[in-house]
C-alpha atoms as a PDB file:
ATOM      1  CA  MET A   1       0.463  26.393 -25.789  1.00  0.00           C
ATOM      2  CA  ALA A   2       1.718  25.289 -22.368  1.00  0.00           C
ATOM      3  CA  ILE A   3      -0.167  26.330 -19.285  1.00  0.00           C
ATOM      4  CA  THR A   4       2.001  27.628 -16.456  1.00  0.00           C
ATOM      5  CA  THR A   5       0.274  27.201 -13.131  1.00  0.00           C
ATOM      6  CA  SER A   6       2.809  28.598 -10.635  1.00  0.00           C
ATOM      7  CA  THR A   7       5.526  31.213 -10.384  1.00  0.00           C
ATOM      8  CA  LEU A   8       8.697  30.943  -8.298  1.00  0.00           C
ATOM      9  CA  GLU A   9      11.342  33.587  -7.659  1.00  0.00           C
ATOM     10  CA  ALA A  10      14.972  32.407  -7.495  1.00  0.00           C
ATOM     11  CA  THR A  11      18.431  33.934  -7.030  1.00  0.00           C
ATOM     12  CA  ALA A  12      21.412  32.839  -9.120  1.00  0.00           C
ATOM     13  CA  ARG A  13      24.450  31.649  -7.172  1.00  0.00           C
ATOM     14  CA  GLU A  14      28.014  30.993  -8.244  1.00  0.00           C
ATOM     15  CA  THR A  15      29.382  29.285  -5.146  1.00  0.00           C
ATOM     16  CA  SER A  16      28.639  25.873  -3.739  1.00  0.00           C
ATOM     17  CA  GLY A  17      29.736  23.539  -0.953  1.00  0.00           C
ATOM     18  CA  LYS A  18      28.533  22.687   2.529  1.00  0.00           C
ATOM     19  CA  GLY A  19      29.572  26.053   3.953  1.00  0.00           C
ATOM     20  CA  PHE A  20      27.567  27.987   1.376  1.00  0.00           C
ATOM     21  CA  ALA A  21      24.583  25.678   1.792  1.00  0.00           C
ATOM     22  CA  ARG A  22      24.666  26.228   5.566  1.00  0.00           C
ATOM     23  CA  ARG A  23      24.791  30.008   5.186  1.00  0.00           C
ATOM     24  CA  THR A  24      21.975  29.900   2.613  1.00  0.00           C
ATOM     25  CA  ARG A  25      19.738  27.971   5.024  1.00  0.00           C
ATOM     26  CA  LEU A  26      20.541  30.410   7.824  1.00  0.00           C
ATOM     27  CA  GLU A  27      19.246  33.146   5.535  1.00  0.00           C
ATOM     28  CA  GLY A  28      15.940  31.294   5.199  1.00  0.00           C
ATOM     29  CA  LYS A  29      16.606  29.854   1.736  1.00  0.00           C
ATOM     30  CA  ILE A  30      17.841  26.555   0.346  1.00  0.00           C
ATOM     31  CA  PRO A  31      20.277  25.711  -2.458  1.00  0.00           C
ATOM     32  CA  ALA A  32      18.756  24.347  -5.665  1.00  0.00           C
ATOM     33  CA  ILE A  33      19.757  23.405  -9.174  1.00  0.00           C
ATOM     34  CA  VAL A  34      18.151  23.483 -12.636  1.00  0.00           C
ATOM     35  CA  TYR A  35      19.222  20.949 -15.254  1.00  0.00           C
ATOM     36  CA  GLY A  36      17.989  19.735 -18.645  1.00  0.00           C
ATOM     37  CA  LYS A  37      19.131  18.602 -22.064  1.00  0.00           C
ATOM     38  CA  HIS A  38      18.602  22.076 -23.537  1.00  0.00           C
ATOM     39  CA  LEU A  39      20.886  23.770 -20.992  1.00  0.00           C
ATOM     40  CA  LYS A  40      24.615  24.042 -21.607  1.00  0.00           C
ATOM     41  CA  ALA A  41      25.288  23.423 -17.932  1.00  0.00           C
ATOM     42  CA  PRO A  42      23.246  23.051 -14.726  1.00  0.00           C
ATOM     43  CA  VAL A  43      22.183  26.381 -13.208  1.00  0.00           C
ATOM     44  CA  SER A  44      22.767  26.846  -9.482  1.00  0.00           C
ATOM     45  CA  ILE A  45      20.145  28.905  -7.628  1.00  0.00           C
ATOM     46  CA  SER A  46      18.733  29.531  -4.155  1.00  0.00           C
ATOM     47  CA  VAL A  47      15.016  29.617  -3.408  1.00  0.00           C
ATOM     48  CA  ASP A  48      12.636  30.145  -0.530  1.00  0.00           C
ATOM     49  CA  PRO A  49      11.521  26.663   0.705  1.00  0.00           C
ATOM     50  CA  ALA A  50       8.075  27.975   1.645  1.00  0.00           C
ATOM     51  CA  ALA A  51       7.672  29.366  -1.872  1.00  0.00           C
ATOM     52  CA  VAL A  52       8.647  25.979  -3.338  1.00  0.00           C
ATOM     53  CA  ARG A  53       5.948  24.218  -1.304  1.00  0.00           C
ATOM     54  CA  ALA A  54       3.419  26.858  -2.359  1.00  0.00           C
ATOM     55  CA  ALA A  55       4.380  26.425  -6.031  1.00  0.00           C
ATOM     56  CA  ILE A  56       3.534  22.698  -6.016  1.00  0.00           C
ATOM     57  CA  ASN A  57       0.455  23.076  -3.831  1.00  0.00           C
ATOM     58  CA  THR A  58      -1.821  22.334  -6.773  1.00  0.00           C
ATOM     59  CA  PRO A  59      -3.815  19.265  -7.858  1.00  0.00           C
ATOM     60  CA  ARG A  60      -0.836  18.266 -10.044  1.00  0.00           C
ATOM     61  CA  LYS A  61       1.640  18.239  -7.129  1.00  0.00           C
ATOM     62  CA  LEU A  62       5.144  17.497  -8.500  1.00  0.00           C
ATOM     63  CA  ASN A  63       3.785  17.642 -12.061  1.00  0.00           C
ATOM     64  CA  THR A  64       2.966  21.331 -11.678  1.00  0.00           C
ATOM     65  CA  LEU A  65       4.500  23.574 -14.334  1.00  0.00           C
ATOM     66  CA  ILE A  66       6.493  26.374 -12.706  1.00  0.00           C
ATOM     67  CA  ASN A  67       7.556  29.654 -14.247  1.00  0.00           C
ATOM     68  CA  LEU A  68      10.976  30.067 -12.614  1.00  0.00           C
ATOM     69  CA  LYS A  69      12.188  33.665 -12.568  1.00  0.00           C
ATOM     70  CA  ILE A  70      15.931  34.229 -12.160  1.00  0.00           C
ATOM     71  CA  GLY A  71      16.790  37.919 -12.295  1.00  0.00           C
ATOM     72  CA  GLY A  72      15.315  39.318 -15.497  1.00  0.00           C
ATOM     73  CA  SER A  73      14.871  35.936 -17.224  1.00  0.00           C
ATOM     74  CA  SER A  74      12.349  33.150 -16.785  1.00  0.00           C
ATOM     75  CA  GLN A  75      12.034  29.532 -17.837  1.00  0.00           C
ATOM     76  CA  MET A  76       9.556  26.703 -17.460  1.00  0.00           C
ATOM     77  CA  VAL A  77      10.560  23.999 -14.991  1.00  0.00           C
ATOM     78  CA  MET A  78       9.157  21.186 -12.885  1.00  0.00           C
ATOM     79  CA  LEU A  79      10.258  20.089  -9.435  1.00  0.00           C
ATOM     80  CA  LYS A  80      11.982  16.768 -10.141  1.00  0.00           C
ATOM     81  CA  ASP A  81      13.407  15.884  -6.748  1.00  0.00           C
ATOM     82  CA  TYR A  82      14.054  17.314  -3.293  1.00  0.00           C
ATOM     83  CA  GLN A  83      15.728  16.542   0.017  1.00  0.00           C
ATOM     84  CA  GLN A  84      14.211  17.185   3.420  1.00  0.00           C
ATOM     85  CA  ASP A  85      15.185  16.768   7.053  1.00  0.00           C
ATOM     86  CA  PRO A  86      14.073  13.308   8.265  1.00  0.00           C
ATOM     87  CA  VAL A  87      12.859  14.721  11.586  1.00  0.00           C
ATOM     88  CA  THR A  88      11.539  18.236  10.920  1.00  0.00           C
ATOM     89  CA  ARG A  89      10.607  17.523   7.262  1.00  0.00           C
ATOM     90  CA  ALA A  90      12.089  20.911   6.342  1.00  0.00           C
ATOM     91  CA  LEU A  91      13.285  21.250   2.744  1.00  0.00           C
ATOM     92  CA  LEU A  92      17.077  21.140   2.415  1.00  0.00           C
ATOM     93  CA  HIS A  93      17.652  21.052  -1.361  1.00  0.00           C
ATOM     94  CA  ALA A  94      15.613  21.081  -4.570  1.00  0.00           C
ATOM     95  CA  ASP A  95      16.211  19.844  -8.121  1.00  0.00           C
ATOM     96  CA  PHE A  96      14.308  21.394 -11.027  1.00  0.00           C
ATOM     97  CA  ILE A  97      14.200  20.082 -14.580  1.00  0.00           C
ATOM     98  CA  ASP A  98      13.992  22.427 -17.551  1.00  0.00           C
ATOM     99  CA  VAL A  99      10.997  21.582 -19.786  1.00  0.00           C
ATOM    100  CA  ARG A 100       9.972  22.747 -23.243  1.00  0.00           C
ATOM    101  CA  GLU A 101       6.513  22.965 -24.777  1.00  0.00           C
ATOM    102  CA  THR A 102       7.371  20.629 -27.663  1.00  0.00           C
ATOM    103  CA  ASP A 103       9.255  17.970 -25.666  1.00  0.00           C
ATOM    104  CA  GLN A 104       7.623  15.118 -23.808  1.00  0.00           C
ATOM    105  CA  VAL A 105       8.556  14.674 -20.179  1.00  0.00           C
ATOM    106  CA  ARG A 106       8.447  11.514 -18.088  1.00  0.00           C
ATOM    107  CA  VAL A 107       6.135  11.845 -15.095  1.00  0.00           C
ATOM    108  CA  LYS A 108       4.279   9.690 -12.594  1.00  0.00           C
ATOM    109  CA  VAL A 109       0.504  10.146 -12.605  1.00  0.00           C
ATOM    110  CA  PRO A 110      -1.989   8.860 -10.008  1.00  0.00           C
ATOM    111  CA  LEU A 111      -4.166   5.961 -11.164  1.00  0.00           C
ATOM    112  CA  VAL A 112      -7.799   6.061  -9.985  1.00  0.00           C
ATOM    113  CA  LEU A 113     -10.277   3.185 -10.342  1.00  0.00           C
ATOM    114  CA  VAL A 114     -13.868   4.187 -11.173  1.00  0.00           C
ATOM    115  CA  GLY A 115     -17.082   2.182 -11.436  1.00  0.00           C
ATOM    116  CA  LYS A 116     -18.248  -0.883  -9.504  1.00  0.00           C
ATOM    117  CA  ALA A 117     -16.844  -4.146 -10.817  1.00  0.00           C
ATOM    118  CA  VAL A 118     -19.342  -6.883 -11.702  1.00  0.00           C
ATOM    119  CA  GLY A 119     -17.169  -9.346  -9.817  1.00  0.00           C
ATOM    120  CA  VAL A 120     -17.638  -7.437  -6.568  1.00  0.00           C
ATOM    121  CA  ALA A 121     -21.406  -7.949  -6.773  1.00  0.00           C
ATOM    122  CA  GLU A 122     -20.669 -11.649  -7.283  1.00  0.00           C
ATOM    123  CA  GLY A 123     -18.684 -11.804  -4.045  1.00  0.00           C
ATOM    124  CA  GLY A 124     -15.196 -11.015  -5.358  1.00  0.00           C
ATOM    125  CA  ILE A 125     -12.742  -8.515  -3.854  1.00  0.00           C
ATOM    126  CA  LEU A 126     -11.407  -5.654  -6.002  1.00  0.00           C
ATOM    127  CA  SER A 127      -7.698  -5.067  -5.449  1.00  0.00           C
ATOM    128  CA  GLN A 128      -5.723  -2.171  -6.959  1.00  0.00           C
ATOM    129  CA  GLN A 129      -2.175  -3.242  -7.793  1.00  0.00           C
ATOM    130  CA  ARG A 130      -0.773   0.143  -8.935  1.00  0.00           C
ATOM    131  CA  ARG A 131      -1.524   3.538  -7.377  1.00  0.00           C
ATOM    132  CA  GLU A 132       0.415   5.489 -10.000  1.00  0.00           C
ATOM    133  CA  ILE A 133       1.938   4.844 -13.403  1.00  0.00           C
ATOM    134  CA  GLU A 134       4.828   6.369 -15.297  1.00  0.00           C
ATOM    135  CA  VAL A 135       3.948   7.979 -18.613  1.00  0.00           C
ATOM    136  CA  TYR A 136       5.312  10.430 -21.174  1.00  0.00           C
ATOM    137  CA  ALA A 137       3.437  13.593 -22.097  1.00  0.00           C
ATOM    138  CA  LEU A 138       3.875  17.120 -23.358  1.00  0.00           C
ATOM    139  CA  PRO A 139       3.980  19.616 -20.453  1.00  0.00           C
ATOM    140  CA  SER A 140       0.562  20.998 -21.389  1.00  0.00           C
ATOM    141  CA  ALA A 141      -0.980  17.501 -21.626  1.00  0.00           C
ATOM    142  CA  ILE A 142       0.086  16.118 -18.243  1.00  0.00           C
ATOM    143  CA  PRO A 143      -3.132  14.934 -16.553  1.00  0.00           C
ATOM    144  CA  GLU A 144      -3.904  15.324 -12.862  1.00  0.00           C
ATOM    145  CA  LYS A 145      -4.894  11.646 -12.774  1.00  0.00           C
ATOM    146  CA  ILE A 146      -5.771   8.759 -15.070  1.00  0.00           C
ATOM    147  CA  GLU A 147      -9.129   7.090 -14.460  1.00  0.00           C
ATOM    148  CA  VAL A 148      -9.646   3.404 -15.156  1.00  0.00           C
ATOM    149  CA  ASP A 149     -13.184   1.991 -15.513  1.00  0.00           C
ATOM    150  CA  VAL A 150     -13.332  -1.443 -13.848  1.00  0.00           C
ATOM    151  CA  THR A 151     -17.093  -1.993 -14.240  1.00  0.00           C
ATOM    152  CA  ALA A 152     -16.687  -4.955 -16.624  1.00  0.00           C
ATOM    153  CA  LEU A 153     -14.248  -6.877 -14.405  1.00  0.00           C
ATOM    154  CA  LYS A 154     -15.603 -10.247 -13.290  1.00  0.00           C
ATOM    155  CA  VAL A 155     -14.368 -12.584 -10.573  1.00  0.00           C
ATOM    156  CA  ALA A 156     -10.809 -13.796 -11.273  1.00  0.00           C
ATOM    157  CA  GLN A 157     -10.376 -11.205 -14.054  1.00  0.00           C
ATOM    158  CA  ALA A 158      -7.582  -8.625 -14.155  1.00  0.00           C
ATOM    159  CA  MET A 159      -6.946  -5.361 -15.973  1.00  0.00           C
ATOM    160  CA  HIS A 160      -3.468  -4.663 -17.323  1.00  0.00           C
ATOM    161  CA  ILE A 161      -1.707  -1.462 -18.299  1.00  0.00           C
ATOM    162  CA  ASN A 162      -2.241  -2.206 -22.008  1.00  0.00           C
ATOM    163  CA  ASP A 163      -5.999  -2.234 -21.356  1.00  0.00           C
ATOM    164  CA  VAL A 164      -5.956   1.316 -19.966  1.00  0.00           C
ATOM    165  CA  GLN A 165      -7.112   4.048 -22.334  1.00  0.00           C
ATOM    166  CA  MET A 166      -4.567   6.862 -22.115  1.00  0.00           C
ATOM    167  CA  PRO A 167      -5.693  10.513 -22.310  1.00  0.00           C
ATOM    168  CA  ALA A 168      -4.856  12.500 -25.435  1.00  0.00           C
ATOM    169  CA  GLY A 169      -1.196  13.411 -25.616  1.00  0.00           C
ATOM    170  CA  VAL A 170      -0.166  10.791 -23.011  1.00  0.00           C
ATOM    171  CA  THR A 171       1.914   7.741 -23.923  1.00  0.00           C
ATOM    172  CA  ASN A 172       2.691   4.589 -21.980  1.00  0.00           C
ATOM    173  CA  LYS A 173       6.159   3.313 -22.893  1.00  0.00           C
ATOM    174  CA  SER A 174       6.344   0.412 -20.465  1.00  0.00           C
ATOM    175  CA  HIS A 175       7.613  -2.837 -21.985  1.00  0.00           C
ATOM    176  CA  VAL A 176       5.844  -4.870 -19.280  1.00  0.00           C
ATOM    177  CA  ASN A 177       2.087  -5.403 -19.414  1.00  0.00           C
ATOM    178  CA  PHE A 178       1.724  -5.244 -15.636  1.00  0.00           C
ATOM    179  CA  THR A 179      -1.528  -5.667 -13.706  1.00  0.00           C
ATOM    180  CA  VAL A 180      -3.248  -2.541 -12.408  1.00  0.00           C
ATOM    181  CA  ALA A 181      -6.388  -4.080 -10.876  1.00  0.00           C
ATOM    182  CA  ILE A 182      -7.861  -7.526 -10.225  1.00  0.00           C
ATOM    183  CA  VAL A 183     -11.064  -8.997  -8.776  1.00  0.00           C
ATOM    184  CA  ALA A 184      -9.810 -11.751  -6.490  1.00  0.00           C
ATOM    185  CA  ILE A 185     -11.730 -14.860  -5.475  1.00  0.00           C
ATOM    186  CA  PRO A 186     -12.579 -14.691  -1.763  1.00  0.00           C
ATOM    187  CA  GLU A 187     -11.045 -17.396   0.396  1.00  0.00           C
ATOM    188  CA  ALA A 188     -13.489 -20.142   1.467  1.00  0.00           C
ATOM    189  CA  GLU A 189     -14.347 -20.167   5.169  1.00  0.00           C
ATOM    190  CA  VAL A 190     -12.957 -23.242   6.900  1.00  0.00           C
ATOM    191  CA  VAL A 191     -15.245 -24.802   9.571  1.00  0.00           C
ATOM    192  CA  ALA A 192     -13.773 -27.404  11.966  1.00  0.00           C
ATOM    193  CA  VAL A 193     -15.942 -30.517  12.413  1.00  0.00           C
ATOM    194  CA  VAL A 194     -15.412 -32.814  15.438  1.00  0.00           C
ATOM    195  CA  ALA A 195     -16.284 -36.427  14.645  1.00  0.00           C
ATOM    196  CA  ALA A 196     -18.061 -38.611  17.229  1.00  0.00           C
ATOM    197  CA  PRO A 197     -15.990 -41.490  18.718  1.00  0.00           C
ATOM    198  CA  VAL A 198     -16.392 -44.768  16.870  1.00  0.00           C
ATOM    199  CA  ALA A 199     -15.819 -48.137  18.511  1.00  0.00           C
ATOM    200  CA  VAL A 200     -13.120 -50.161  16.789  1.00  0.00           C
ATOM    201  CA  GLU A 201     -12.906 -53.920  17.054  1.00  0.00           C
ATOM    202  CA  GLY A 202     -10.000 -54.914  19.267  1.00  0.00           C
ATOM    203  CA  ALA A 203      -9.690 -51.430  20.805  1.00  0.00           C
ATOM    204  CA  PRO A 204      -9.525 -51.090  24.644  1.00  0.00           C
ATOM    205  CA  ALA A 205     -12.835 -50.942  26.424  1.00  0.00           C
ATOM    206  CA  GLY A 206     -12.156 -47.320  27.383  1.00  0.00           C
ATOM    207  CA  ALA A 207     -12.316 -46.314  23.739  1.00  0.00           C
ATOM    208  CA  ALA A 208     -15.874 -47.544  23.418  1.00  0.00           C
ATOM    209  CA  ALA A 209     -18.778 -45.181  23.408  1.00  0.00           C
ATOM    210  CA  GLY A 210     -19.767 -46.307  26.923  1.00  0.00           C
ATOM    211  CA  ALA A 211     -16.519 -45.294  28.569  1.00  0.00           C
ATOM    212  CA  ALA A 212     -16.985 -42.803  31.382  1.00  0.00           C
ATOM    213  CA  PRO A 213     -15.591 -39.311  30.810  1.00  0.00           C
ATOM    214  CA  GLY A 214     -12.195 -38.949  32.399  1.00  0.00           C
ATOM    215  CA  ALA A 215     -11.782 -42.696  32.963  1.00  0.00           C
ATOM    216  CA  ALA A 216      -8.373 -44.258  32.513  1.00  0.00           C
ATOM    217  CA  PRO A 217      -7.735 -46.034  29.219  1.00  0.00           C
ATOM    218  CA  GLY A 218      -9.079 -49.535  29.366  1.00  0.00           C
ATOM    219  CA  ALA A 219     -11.331 -48.849  32.381  1.00  0.00           C
ATOM    220  CA  ALA A 220     -14.920 -49.871  31.819  1.00  0.00           C
ATOM    221  CA  ALA A 221     -17.777 -47.774  33.033  1.00  0.00           C
ATOM    222  CA  PRO A 222     -19.220 -49.076  36.363  1.00  0.00           C
ATOM    223  CA  ALA A 223     -22.368 -51.129  36.075  1.00  0.00           C
ATOM    224  CA  ALA A 224     -25.575 -49.981  37.699  1.00  0.00           C
ATOM    225  CA  GLY A 225     -25.575 -50.829  41.402  1.00  0.00           C
ATOM    226  CA  ASP A 226     -21.826 -51.292  41.645  1.00  0.00           C
ATOM    227  CA  LYS A 227     -19.907 -49.347  44.267  1.00  0.00           C
ATOM    228  CA  ALA A 228     -17.301 -46.903  43.100  1.00  0.00           C
ATOM    229  CA  ALA A 229     -13.703 -47.883  43.752  1.00  0.00           C
ATOM    230  CA  PRO A 230     -11.944 -45.893  46.504  1.00  0.00           C
ATOM    231  CA  ALA A 231      -9.725 -43.038  45.423  1.00  0.00           C
ATOM    232  CA  ALA A 232      -5.995 -43.645  45.485  1.00  0.00           C
ATOM    233  CA  GLY A 233      -4.674 -43.407  49.035  1.00  0.00           C
ATOM    234  CA  GLY A 234      -8.185 -43.093  50.465  1.00  0.00           C
ATOM    235  CA  LYS A 235     -10.142 -45.404  52.746  1.00  0.00           C
ATOM    236  CA  ALA A 236     -12.881 -47.672  51.574  1.00  0.00           C
ATOM    237  CA  ALA A 237     -16.369 -46.641  52.514  1.00  0.00           C
ATOM    238  CA  PRO A 238     -17.799 -48.756  55.449  1.00  0.00           C
ATOM    239  CA  ALA A 239     -20.156 -51.544  54.503  1.00  0.00           C
ATOM    240  CA  ALA A 240     -23.789 -51.203  55.394  1.00  0.00           C
ATOM    241  CA  ALA A 241     -24.583 -52.837  58.814  1.00  0.00           C
ATOM    242  CA  ALA A 242     -26.571 -56.104  58.779  1.00  0.00           C
ATOM    243  CA  PRO A 243     -29.987 -55.968  60.491  1.00  0.00           C
ATOM    244  CA  LYS A 244     -30.079 -57.339  64.081  1.00  0.00           C
ATOM    245  CA  LYS A 245     -32.057 -60.457  64.902  1.00  0.00           C
ATOM    246  CA  LYS A 246     -34.737 -60.121  67.503  1.00  0.00           C
END
């Protein structure tokens, strides 16, 4: 038997259009619609936006089963989609889907990785590729989350959706065996090495190991005892005076 976790009061409406929607919002409510394959036609309603937020304020979020009461009747629904103001984030419209206890519904369920991968201890980096997956389940079997044990993952190994053990009553109908988690190989650290200058036969003297730092190409280092050449545009230093004869 299905478990209903929330209750929401609604008012049936027969009119539609922008004018009606504006008046409905001025009254503190928003226009909404209920649709489903078991309904002859979509049902137009108006609901309190605060009550809608309260109805899905459960661990299941949008997958919460809601007992929608319209007048003297009630039906089981789920909040399928909604519109909100991009600035104020206020709800503007809501879409509910009619669900039945014996019919599977398509929902998105959070995917949670558990355990410490072996590859992480070996220096790898665990990366989660999917945060949620789309599955089919009976309304009463919709899980809050699906846990995936990654303990056995080694470096450079990946886990795919077909490797995930689904909870009872939950079916994965994806035709693509996509990756949900992988232990990546860490990038090697690159260290720059500066090679020492090597003298090459036939190269200018300035390229030799004995060349003075900052010297012009081809200029040899001054020998010991030699006087330095004057700077460009400068005057030569005076020569040392000869000793006087007595």
